[in-house]
Amino acid sequence: MRGDRMKQVPVERFAELRGYGITNDAYHMTAPRPEGTQAAAAMRRALATGGVAPDEIDYVNAHASSTPLGDVAEARALALALGERARTVPVSGPKALYGHPLGASSAIEASIVALGMQRGWMPGTPTPETPDPAGVDPPLHPVPKTTAPPSP
């Protein structure tokens, strides 16, 4: 549905997509580029198309598929894309709570984050409680797994 038509539909909106970024590092069929440069480029493009600076980011919902290669590469990408803001911005990845439904992940995670923003909470990170110290600088700030939605 077109944006101008969408404004006429009487629904409660939880979030707005302000920008996006796409890259393909063609590094490997399933493994990401270890240094995270292409993922960082996609994040920077998303920030640029949305007109958002790294210091305006209040939360990051990570892809976080709980693979040693993927999680470290993603942490490096976040550090590259957000700079010092990566040290303090809350990061979580709830995928460990529901598995990895491949193409449906984006819709599920967008729904979780939008609902969480509307209700004033962030999903916790089931695993790990402390990030892998694989040379990621600045280190990330994971949301504790004890974070729960407020009572209605």
Protein backbone atom coordinates (compact mmCIF):
# COMPACT_ATOMS: atom_id res chain seq x y z
CA MET A 1 0.00 0.00 0.00
CA ARG A 2 1.37 3.42 -0.91
CA GLY A 3 2.44 5.78 1.88
CA ASP A 4 -0.18 8.45 1.06
CA ARG A 5 -2.94 5.82 1.10
CA MET A 6 -1.57 4.30 4.29
CA LYS A 7 -2.13 7.58 6.12
CA GLN A 8 -5.87 7.21 5.47
CA VAL A 9 -6.08 3.77 7.08
CA PRO A 10 -7.26 4.02 10.72
CA VAL A 11 -4.74 1.73 12.43
CA GLU A 12 -2.42 2.11 15.37
CA ARG A 13 1.14 2.45 14.09
CA PHE A 14 3.92 1.05 16.22
CA ALA A 15 6.96 2.05 14.17
CA GLU A 16 8.16 3.62 10.94
CA LEU A 17 10.93 2.35 8.67
CA ARG A 18 13.09 5.41 8.07
CA GLY A 19 15.99 3.91 6.15
CA TYR A 20 17.58 0.74 4.88
CA GLY A 21 20.90 -0.46 3.57
CA ILE A 22 21.87 -3.48 1.51
CA THR A 23 25.24 -5.05 0.70
CA ASN A 24 26.50 -8.44 -0.39
CA ASP A 25 30.07 -9.30 0.42
CA ALA A 26 30.05 -12.53 -1.67
CA TYR A 27 32.53 -13.88 0.85
CA HIS A 28 30.95 -17.29 1.46
CA MET A 29 27.54 -18.91 1.01
CA THR A 30 26.78 -18.94 4.76
CA ALA A 31 29.73 -17.35 6.60
CA PRO A 32 29.97 -13.56 6.82
CA ARG A 33 33.12 -11.59 6.08
CA PRO A 34 34.92 -11.90 9.46
CA GLU A 35 35.91 -8.24 9.81
CA GLY A 36 32.30 -7.07 9.36
CA THR A 37 33.05 -4.38 6.77
CA GLN A 38 30.18 -5.14 4.39
CA ALA A 39 27.60 -5.46 7.16
CA ALA A 40 28.89 -2.15 8.56
CA ALA A 41 28.46 -0.59 5.11
CA ALA A 42 24.81 -1.75 5.06
CA MET A 43 24.26 -0.27 8.53
CA ARG A 44 25.83 3.04 7.49
CA ARG A 45 23.60 3.13 4.39
CA ALA A 46 20.53 2.49 6.55
CA LEU A 47 21.52 5.35 8.84
CA ALA A 48 22.20 7.65 5.87
CA THR A 49 18.94 6.91 4.03
CA GLY A 50 17.03 7.38 7.28
CA GLY A 51 18.83 10.61 8.14
CA VAL A 52 19.91 9.20 11.50
CA ALA A 53 23.29 9.68 13.21
CA PRO A 54 24.88 6.86 15.26
CA ASP A 55 24.42 8.84 18.48
CA GLU A 56 20.65 8.89 17.85
CA ILE A 57 20.42 5.09 18.02
CA ASP A 58 18.75 3.97 21.27
CA TYR A 59 18.65 0.19 20.65
CA VAL A 60 20.03 -2.38 18.20
CA ASN A 61 18.18 -5.58 17.42
CA ALA A 62 21.03 -7.80 16.25
CA HIS A 63 20.72 -10.59 13.69
CA ALA A 64 22.45 -12.72 16.34
CA SER A 65 22.09 -16.23 14.97
CA SER A 66 24.33 -17.52 17.80
CA THR A 67 27.13 -18.71 15.56
CA PRO A 68 30.70 -17.94 16.62
CA LEU A 69 31.60 -16.50 13.20
CA GLY A 70 28.36 -14.61 12.68
CA ASP A 71 28.03 -13.03 16.10
CA VAL A 72 31.64 -11.82 16.18
CA ALA A 73 31.41 -10.44 12.62
CA GLU A 74 28.17 -8.68 13.52
CA ALA A 75 29.69 -7.22 16.69
CA ARG A 76 32.61 -5.93 14.63
CA ALA A 77 30.20 -4.47 12.07
CA LEU A 78 28.24 -2.66 14.79
CA ALA A 79 31.48 -1.26 16.21
CA LEU A 80 32.52 -0.04 12.74
CA ALA A 81 29.12 1.46 11.93
CA LEU A 82 28.34 3.06 15.30
CA GLY A 83 31.82 3.90 16.56
CA GLU A 84 31.88 4.88 20.23
CA ARG A 85 28.06 4.68 20.39
CA ALA A 86 28.43 0.89 20.11
CA ARG A 87 29.96 0.91 23.60
CA THR A 88 26.72 2.08 25.26
CA VAL A 89 23.77 1.33 22.97
CA PRO A 90 21.72 -1.65 24.20
CA VAL A 91 21.94 -4.66 21.87
CA SER A 92 19.91 -7.86 21.94
CA GLY A 93 18.96 -10.67 19.62
CA PRO A 94 15.84 -12.65 20.54
CA LYS A 95 16.28 -15.17 17.70
CA ALA A 96 17.45 -17.77 20.24
CA LEU A 97 13.92 -17.67 21.69
CA TYR A 98 12.19 -18.78 18.50
CA GLY A 99 14.81 -20.29 16.17
CA HIS A 100 15.88 -19.08 12.75
CA PRO A 101 12.96 -19.08 10.30
CA LEU A 102 15.20 -17.70 7.52
CA GLY A 103 13.23 -15.19 5.43
CA ALA A 104 10.59 -14.70 8.11
CA SER A 105 13.17 -13.47 10.64
CA SER A 106 12.95 -9.86 9.52
CA ALA A 107 9.17 -9.68 9.94
CA ILE A 108 9.25 -11.45 13.31
CA GLU A 109 12.07 -9.29 14.68
CA ALA A 110 10.52 -6.07 13.34
CA SER A 111 7.28 -7.00 15.11
CA ILE A 112 9.06 -7.78 18.38
CA VAL A 113 10.99 -4.50 18.30
CA ALA A 114 8.01 -2.36 17.24
CA LEU A 115 5.80 -3.81 19.96
CA GLY A 116 8.62 -3.45 22.49
CA MET A 117 9.12 0.21 21.58
CA GLN A 118 5.39 0.86 21.89
CA ARG A 119 5.33 -0.79 25.32
CA GLY A 120 8.61 0.70 26.56
CA TRP A 121 10.79 -2.41 26.81
CA MET A 122 13.52 -4.24 24.90
CA PRO A 123 13.75 -8.00 24.47
CA GLY A 124 16.59 -9.51 26.48
CA THR A 125 19.41 -11.56 25.04
CA PRO A 126 18.95 -15.23 26.01
CA THR A 127 22.62 -16.01 25.28
CA PRO A 128 25.31 -14.95 25.96
CA GLU A 129 25.19 -12.74 29.03
CA THR A 130 28.64 -11.41 28.24
CA PRO A 131 29.81 -10.80 24.69
CA ASP A 132 32.64 -12.79 23.16
CA PRO A 133 35.79 -10.70 23.69
CA ALA A 134 37.12 -11.56 20.22
CA GLY A 135 38.88 -8.25 19.80
CA VAL A 136 35.74 -6.19 19.22
CA ASP A 137 36.41 -2.57 20.07
CA PRO A 138 34.41 -0.89 21.38
CA PRO A 139 32.76 -3.79 23.23
CA LEU A 140 28.99 -4.09 22.89
CA HIS A 141 26.38 -3.57 25.63
CA PRO A 142 23.99 -6.58 25.62
CA VAL A 143 20.51 -6.28 27.09
CA PRO A 144 20.30 -8.77 30.01
CA LYS A 145 18.11 -11.80 29.47
CA THR A 146 16.15 -10.85 32.57
CA THR A 147 14.67 -7.85 30.78
CA ALA A 148 10.92 -8.42 30.65
CA PRO A 149 7.99 -6.45 29.32
CA PRO A 150 6.20 -4.34 31.90
CA SER A 151 3.00 -5.68 33.37
CA PRO A 152 -0.13 -4.44 31.56
